[in-house]
Amino acid sequence: MPSLKLQLRTRRKNKIRSTVTGTDQKPRLSVFRSNKYIYAQIIDDSQGKTIAAGDDRQIKKVSSKEYQGKSAKAFEVGFKLGKDALSKKIGNIVFDRGGYKYHGRVKALAEGARQAGLKF
């Protein structure tokens, strides 16, 4: 049986997903955070397709002055994902935090995507 912490996060995630959906005009930026890495993908729910994806395993160099450690990598993931989305003509998205608090690495990823040019 999953831990109470995981059950509560799953409940929050399902509640968020009942209202947040991505379309072809405004896809969904979904975030998954593990203890070691952070993963993000831009999804068009109407077609069931992943448009762009990124994670911090691909990030080699971290040059963020504001963030340090895992948050700096999350910022870089958001920035890279934002640039990929803009190259595919996607400017507006909806943000799906996946049941996590908008804090720390999740916030850093969102700010990196905003700095790349995405609008939430």
N, C-alpha and C. Protein backbone atom coordinates (compact mmCIF):
# COMPACT_ATOMS: atom_id res chain seq x y z
N MET A 1 0.84 -1.18 0.00
CA MET A 1 0.00 0.00 0.00
C MET A 1 0.89 1.24 0.00
N PRO A 2 0.58 2.22 -0.85
CA PRO A 2 1.40 3.43 -0.90
C PRO A 2 1.35 4.21 0.41
N SER A 3 2.39 4.99 0.63
CA SER A 3 2.44 5.79 1.85
C SER A 3 1.36 6.87 1.83
N LEU A 4 1.08 7.41 2.98
CA LEU A 4 0.07 8.46 3.10
C LEU A 4 0.45 9.68 2.28
N LYS A 5 1.74 10.00 2.27
CA LYS A 5 2.22 11.15 1.51
C LYS A 5 1.92 10.98 0.01
N LEU A 6 2.16 9.78 -0.50
CA LEU A 6 1.90 9.49 -1.91
C LEU A 6 0.40 9.50 -2.20
N GLN A 7 -0.40 8.97 -1.29
CA GLN A 7 -1.85 8.98 -1.47
C GLN A 7 -2.39 10.40 -1.55
N LEU A 8 -1.88 11.28 -0.68
CA LEU A 8 -2.35 12.67 -0.69
C LEU A 8 -1.92 13.39 -1.96
N ARG A 9 -0.68 13.13 -2.44
CA ARG A 9 -0.23 13.75 -3.68
C ARG A 9 -1.04 13.26 -4.87
N THR A 10 -1.38 11.98 -4.88
CA THR A 10 -2.20 11.42 -5.95
C THR A 10 -3.58 12.04 -5.95
N ARG A 11 -4.15 12.27 -4.78
CA ARG A 11 -5.45 12.91 -4.67
C ARG A 11 -5.40 14.35 -5.21
N ARG A 12 -4.35 15.09 -4.83
CA ARG A 12 -4.20 16.45 -5.34
C ARG A 12 -3.99 16.45 -6.86
N LYS A 13 -3.21 15.50 -7.35
CA LYS A 13 -2.94 15.40 -8.78
C LYS A 13 -4.23 15.14 -9.56
N ASN A 14 -5.05 14.23 -9.09
CA ASN A 14 -6.31 13.91 -9.77
C ASN A 14 -7.26 15.09 -9.75
N LYS A 15 -7.27 15.84 -8.66
CA LYS A 15 -8.13 17.02 -8.58
C LYS A 15 -7.68 18.08 -9.58
N ILE A 16 -6.37 18.27 -9.71
CA ILE A 16 -5.84 19.24 -10.67
C ILE A 16 -6.15 18.80 -12.10
N ARG A 17 -5.93 17.51 -12.38
CA ARG A 17 -6.12 17.00 -13.74
C ARG A 17 -7.58 17.00 -14.18
N SER A 18 -8.51 17.07 -13.21
CA SER A 18 -9.92 17.13 -13.60
C SER A 18 -10.27 18.48 -14.20
N THR A 19 -9.49 19.51 -13.90
CA THR A 19 -9.78 20.84 -14.44
C THR A 19 -8.77 21.30 -15.48
N VAL A 20 -7.54 20.81 -15.43
CA VAL A 20 -6.49 21.27 -16.34
C VAL A 20 -6.35 20.28 -17.48
N THR A 21 -6.64 20.73 -18.70
CA THR A 21 -6.43 19.90 -19.89
C THR A 21 -5.74 20.72 -20.95
N GLY A 22 -4.96 20.05 -21.76
CA GLY A 22 -4.24 20.72 -22.82
C GLY A 22 -4.93 20.52 -24.16
N THR A 23 -4.92 21.57 -24.98
CA THR A 23 -5.48 21.50 -26.32
C THR A 23 -4.36 21.75 -27.32
N ASP A 24 -4.70 21.72 -28.61
CA ASP A 24 -3.66 22.01 -29.60
C ASP A 24 -3.26 23.48 -29.57
N GLN A 25 -4.17 24.38 -29.16
CA GLN A 25 -3.84 25.80 -29.05
C GLN A 25 -3.09 26.12 -27.76
N LYS A 26 -3.43 25.40 -26.70
CA LYS A 26 -2.84 25.66 -25.38
C LYS A 26 -2.53 24.32 -24.70
N PRO A 27 -1.37 23.71 -25.02
CA PRO A 27 -1.04 22.41 -24.43
C PRO A 27 -0.68 22.52 -22.95
N ARG A 28 -0.55 21.37 -22.33
CA ARG A 28 -0.32 21.27 -20.89
C ARG A 28 1.15 20.96 -20.62
N LEU A 29 1.75 21.72 -19.71
CA LEU A 29 3.11 21.45 -19.25
C LEU A 29 3.02 20.64 -17.98
N SER A 30 3.37 19.37 -18.06
CA SER A 30 3.25 18.45 -16.93
C SER A 30 4.62 18.24 -16.29
N VAL A 31 4.64 18.21 -14.96
CA VAL A 31 5.89 18.08 -14.20
C VAL A 31 5.85 16.82 -13.35
N PHE A 32 6.95 16.07 -13.36
CA PHE A 32 7.14 14.97 -12.42
C PHE A 32 8.46 15.18 -11.72
N ARG A 33 8.44 15.06 -10.42
CA ARG A 33 9.62 15.30 -9.61
C ARG A 33 9.95 14.05 -8.82
N SER A 34 11.14 13.52 -9.00
CA SER A 34 11.60 12.42 -8.15
C SER A 34 12.61 13.00 -7.16
N ASN A 35 13.15 12.18 -6.30
CA ASN A 35 14.13 12.68 -5.34
C ASN A 35 15.40 13.16 -6.02
N LYS A 36 15.73 12.55 -7.16
CA LYS A 36 17.00 12.83 -7.82
C LYS A 36 16.86 13.71 -9.06
N TYR A 37 15.80 13.53 -9.83
CA TYR A 37 15.64 14.22 -11.11
C TYR A 37 14.31 14.94 -11.18
N ILE A 38 14.16 15.77 -12.22
CA ILE A 38 12.89 16.41 -12.51
C ILE A 38 12.62 16.22 -14.00
N TYR A 39 11.39 15.88 -14.33
CA TYR A 39 10.99 15.62 -15.70
C TYR A 39 9.83 16.54 -16.05
N ALA A 40 9.79 17.00 -17.29
CA ALA A 40 8.69 17.85 -17.73
C ALA A 40 8.38 17.52 -19.18
N GLN A 41 7.10 17.63 -19.53
CA GLN A 41 6.71 17.42 -20.93
C GLN A 41 5.52 18.29 -21.26
N ILE A 42 5.45 18.67 -22.53
CA ILE A 42 4.34 19.46 -23.03
C ILE A 42 3.45 18.52 -23.81
N ILE A 43 2.17 18.44 -23.40
CA ILE A 43 1.25 17.41 -23.91
C ILE A 43 0.02 18.05 -24.52
N ASP A 44 -0.40 17.54 -25.68
CA ASP A 44 -1.68 17.90 -26.28
C ASP A 44 -2.64 16.78 -25.92
N ASP A 45 -3.54 17.04 -24.97
CA ASP A 45 -4.45 16.00 -24.49
C ASP A 45 -5.53 15.64 -25.49
N SER A 46 -5.88 16.55 -26.39
CA SER A 46 -6.93 16.24 -27.35
C SER A 46 -6.47 15.17 -28.34
N GLN A 47 -5.18 15.15 -28.69
CA GLN A 47 -4.65 14.13 -29.59
C GLN A 47 -3.89 13.04 -28.84
N GLY A 48 -3.59 13.28 -27.57
CA GLY A 48 -2.84 12.30 -26.79
C GLY A 48 -1.39 12.22 -27.20
N LYS A 49 -0.80 13.37 -27.59
CA LYS A 49 0.58 13.38 -28.08
C LYS A 49 1.46 14.25 -27.19
N THR A 50 2.69 13.80 -27.01
CA THR A 50 3.69 14.61 -26.34
C THR A 50 4.40 15.46 -27.39
N ILE A 51 4.38 16.76 -27.20
CA ILE A 51 4.95 17.69 -28.18
C ILE A 51 6.44 17.89 -27.91
N ALA A 52 6.80 18.08 -26.66
CA ALA A 52 8.20 18.27 -26.28
C ALA A 52 8.40 17.71 -24.88
N ALA A 53 9.62 17.27 -24.60
CA ALA A 53 9.92 16.71 -23.28
C ALA A 53 11.35 17.06 -22.90
N GLY A 54 11.59 17.09 -21.60
CA GLY A 54 12.93 17.37 -21.11
C GLY A 54 13.09 16.89 -19.69
N ASP A 55 14.33 16.64 -19.31
CA ASP A 55 14.63 16.28 -17.93
C ASP A 55 16.03 16.74 -17.59
N ASP A 56 16.37 16.70 -16.32
CA ASP A 56 17.66 17.24 -15.93
C ASP A 56 18.80 16.25 -16.12
N ARG A 57 18.52 15.06 -16.59
CA ARG A 57 19.61 14.14 -16.92
C ARG A 57 20.31 14.60 -18.19
N GLN A 58 19.63 15.42 -19.01
CA GLN A 58 20.21 15.92 -20.25
C GLN A 58 21.03 17.19 -20.03
N ILE A 59 20.86 17.83 -18.89
CA ILE A 59 21.51 19.11 -18.62
C ILE A 59 22.92 18.84 -18.09
N LYS A 60 23.91 19.37 -18.76
CA LYS A 60 25.29 19.19 -18.35
C LYS A 60 25.78 20.40 -17.55
N LYS A 61 25.63 21.57 -18.12
CA LYS A 61 26.17 22.79 -17.52
C LYS A 61 25.04 23.60 -16.91
N VAL A 62 25.22 24.02 -15.69
CA VAL A 62 24.23 24.84 -15.01
C VAL A 62 24.83 26.21 -14.77
N SER A 63 24.19 27.24 -15.33
CA SER A 63 24.75 28.58 -15.23
C SER A 63 23.74 29.56 -14.64
N SER A 64 22.93 29.11 -13.74
CA SER A 64 21.94 29.97 -13.11
C SER A 64 22.56 30.66 -11.90
N LYS A 65 22.40 31.97 -11.82
CA LYS A 65 22.95 32.71 -10.69
C LYS A 65 21.99 32.73 -9.51
N GLU A 66 20.69 32.69 -9.81
CA GLU A 66 19.70 32.80 -8.75
C GLU A 66 19.50 31.49 -8.01
N TYR A 67 19.58 30.36 -8.71
CA TYR A 67 19.31 29.06 -8.11
C TYR A 67 20.61 28.27 -7.96
N GLN A 68 20.59 27.32 -7.04
CA GLN A 68 21.73 26.43 -6.86
C GLN A 68 21.22 25.01 -6.67
N GLY A 69 22.04 24.04 -7.03
CA GLY A 69 21.70 22.64 -6.83
C GLY A 69 20.63 22.14 -7.78
N LYS A 70 19.68 21.38 -7.25
CA LYS A 70 18.63 20.78 -8.08
C LYS A 70 17.71 21.84 -8.66
N SER A 71 17.50 22.93 -7.95
CA SER A 71 16.65 24.01 -8.47
C SER A 71 17.26 24.65 -9.70
N ALA A 72 18.58 24.76 -9.73
CA ALA A 72 19.26 25.33 -10.90
C ALA A 72 19.06 24.42 -12.11
N LYS A 73 19.14 23.11 -11.89
CA LYS A 73 18.89 22.18 -12.99
C LYS A 73 17.44 22.25 -13.45
N ALA A 74 16.52 22.38 -12.51
CA ALA A 74 15.11 22.50 -12.87
C ALA A 74 14.86 23.76 -13.69
N PHE A 75 15.51 24.85 -13.33
CA PHE A 75 15.39 26.09 -14.08
C PHE A 75 15.87 25.88 -15.52
N GLU A 76 17.00 25.21 -15.68
CA GLU A 76 17.55 24.94 -17.01
C GLU A 76 16.63 24.03 -17.82
N VAL A 77 16.01 23.06 -17.17
CA VAL A 77 15.05 22.18 -17.86
C VAL A 77 13.88 23.00 -18.39
N GLY A 78 13.34 23.88 -17.55
CA GLY A 78 12.24 24.74 -17.97
C GLY A 78 12.63 25.65 -19.11
N PHE A 79 13.82 26.21 -19.04
CA PHE A 79 14.30 27.11 -20.09
C PHE A 79 14.46 26.37 -21.41
N LYS A 80 15.08 25.19 -21.35
CA LYS A 80 15.28 24.38 -22.57
C LYS A 80 13.94 23.94 -23.16
N LEU A 81 13.02 23.53 -22.30
CA LEU A 81 11.70 23.10 -22.76
C LEU A 81 10.94 24.27 -23.38
N GLY A 82 11.07 25.45 -22.79
CA GLY A 82 10.45 26.64 -23.35
C GLY A 82 10.98 26.98 -24.73
N LYS A 83 12.28 26.86 -24.91
CA LYS A 83 12.88 27.13 -26.23
C LYS A 83 12.41 26.10 -27.26
N ASP A 84 12.32 24.82 -26.85
CA ASP A 84 11.82 23.78 -27.76
C ASP A 84 10.38 24.06 -28.17
N ALA A 85 9.57 24.49 -27.21
CA ALA A 85 8.16 24.78 -27.49
C ALA A 85 8.02 25.97 -28.43
N LEU A 86 8.82 27.00 -28.21
CA LEU A 86 8.74 28.17 -29.08
C LEU A 86 9.20 27.85 -30.50
N SER A 87 10.15 26.93 -30.63
CA SER A 87 10.59 26.54 -31.97
C SER A 87 9.51 25.74 -32.71
N LYS A 88 8.56 25.16 -31.95
CA LYS A 88 7.44 24.43 -32.54
C LYS A 88 6.17 25.26 -32.57
N LYS A 89 6.32 26.59 -32.45
CA LYS A 89 5.21 27.55 -32.57
C LYS A 89 4.18 27.42 -31.44
N ILE A 90 4.66 27.12 -30.24
CA ILE A 90 3.78 27.05 -29.07
C ILE A 90 4.20 28.18 -28.14
N GLY A 91 3.27 29.09 -27.85
CA GLY A 91 3.59 30.22 -26.99
C GLY A 91 2.81 30.22 -25.69
N ASN A 92 1.59 29.67 -25.71
CA ASN A 92 0.74 29.64 -24.52
C ASN A 92 0.56 28.21 -24.05
N ILE A 93 0.66 28.00 -22.74
CA ILE A 93 0.47 26.67 -22.17
C ILE A 93 -0.33 26.79 -20.88
N VAL A 94 -0.80 25.66 -20.38
CA VAL A 94 -1.36 25.57 -19.03
C VAL A 94 -0.39 24.73 -18.21
N PHE A 95 -0.23 25.09 -16.96
CA PHE A 95 0.77 24.46 -16.11
C PHE A 95 0.11 23.43 -15.20
N ASP A 96 0.59 22.18 -15.28
CA ASP A 96 0.12 21.09 -14.43
C ASP A 96 1.27 20.73 -13.49
N ARG A 97 1.14 21.12 -12.23
CA ARG A 97 2.22 20.90 -11.27
C ARG A 97 2.25 19.48 -10.74
N GLY A 98 1.29 18.65 -11.12
CA GLY A 98 1.31 17.23 -10.78
C GLY A 98 1.07 16.92 -9.32
N GLY A 99 0.39 17.79 -8.61
CA GLY A 99 0.11 17.54 -7.20
C GLY A 99 1.19 18.04 -6.27
N TYR A 100 2.28 18.57 -6.82
CA TYR A 100 3.35 19.11 -5.99
C TYR A 100 3.04 20.56 -5.65
N LYS A 101 3.61 21.04 -4.55
CA LYS A 101 3.47 22.45 -4.19
C LYS A 101 4.22 23.29 -5.21
N TYR A 102 3.69 24.48 -5.49
CA TYR A 102 4.39 25.41 -6.38
C TYR A 102 5.49 26.06 -5.56
N HIS A 103 6.61 25.35 -5.46
CA HIS A 103 7.65 25.74 -4.53
C HIS A 103 8.93 25.02 -4.95
N GLY A 104 10.06 25.60 -4.74
CA GLY A 104 11.33 24.93 -4.98
C GLY A 104 11.57 24.61 -6.43
N ARG A 105 11.79 23.32 -6.72
CA ARG A 105 12.14 22.89 -8.08
C ARG A 105 11.00 23.09 -9.07
N VAL A 106 9.77 22.90 -8.64
CA VAL A 106 8.62 23.09 -9.54
C VAL A 106 8.51 24.56 -9.92
N LYS A 107 8.69 25.44 -8.97
CA LYS A 107 8.65 26.88 -9.23
C LYS A 107 9.81 27.29 -10.13
N ALA A 108 11.00 26.75 -9.89
CA ALA A 108 12.16 27.07 -10.72
C ALA A 108 11.94 26.64 -12.16
N LEU A 109 11.35 25.46 -12.37
CA LEU A 109 11.07 24.99 -13.72
C LEU A 109 10.08 25.92 -14.42
N ALA A 110 9.05 26.34 -13.71
CA ALA A 110 8.05 27.25 -14.29
C ALA A 110 8.67 28.60 -14.64
N GLU A 111 9.53 29.11 -13.78
CA GLU A 111 10.16 30.40 -14.05
C GLU A 111 11.14 30.30 -15.21
N GLY A 112 11.81 29.16 -15.36
CA GLY A 112 12.68 28.95 -16.51
C GLY A 112 11.90 28.94 -17.81
N ALA A 113 10.74 28.30 -17.80
CA ALA A 113 9.89 28.27 -19.00
C ALA A 113 9.36 29.67 -19.32
N ARG A 114 9.00 30.42 -18.29
CA ARG A 114 8.54 31.80 -18.51
C ARG A 114 9.65 32.67 -19.08
N GLN A 115 10.85 32.50 -18.56
CA GLN A 115 11.97 33.30 -19.04
C GLN A 115 12.33 32.94 -20.48
N ALA A 116 12.06 31.72 -20.89
CA ALA A 116 12.30 31.32 -22.28
C ALA A 116 11.28 31.94 -23.22
N GLY A 117 10.12 32.38 -22.69
CA GLY A 117 9.14 33.04 -23.52
C GLY A 117 7.74 32.43 -23.51
N LEU A 118 7.53 31.36 -22.74
CA LEU A 118 6.21 30.76 -22.66
C LEU A 118 5.31 31.59 -21.77
N LYS A 119 4.02 31.62 -22.12
CA LYS A 119 3.03 32.34 -21.32
C LYS A 119 2.09 31.32 -20.69
N PHE A 120 1.87 31.45 -19.38
CA PHE A 120 0.99 30.54 -18.64
C PHE A 120 -0.36 31.18 -18.52
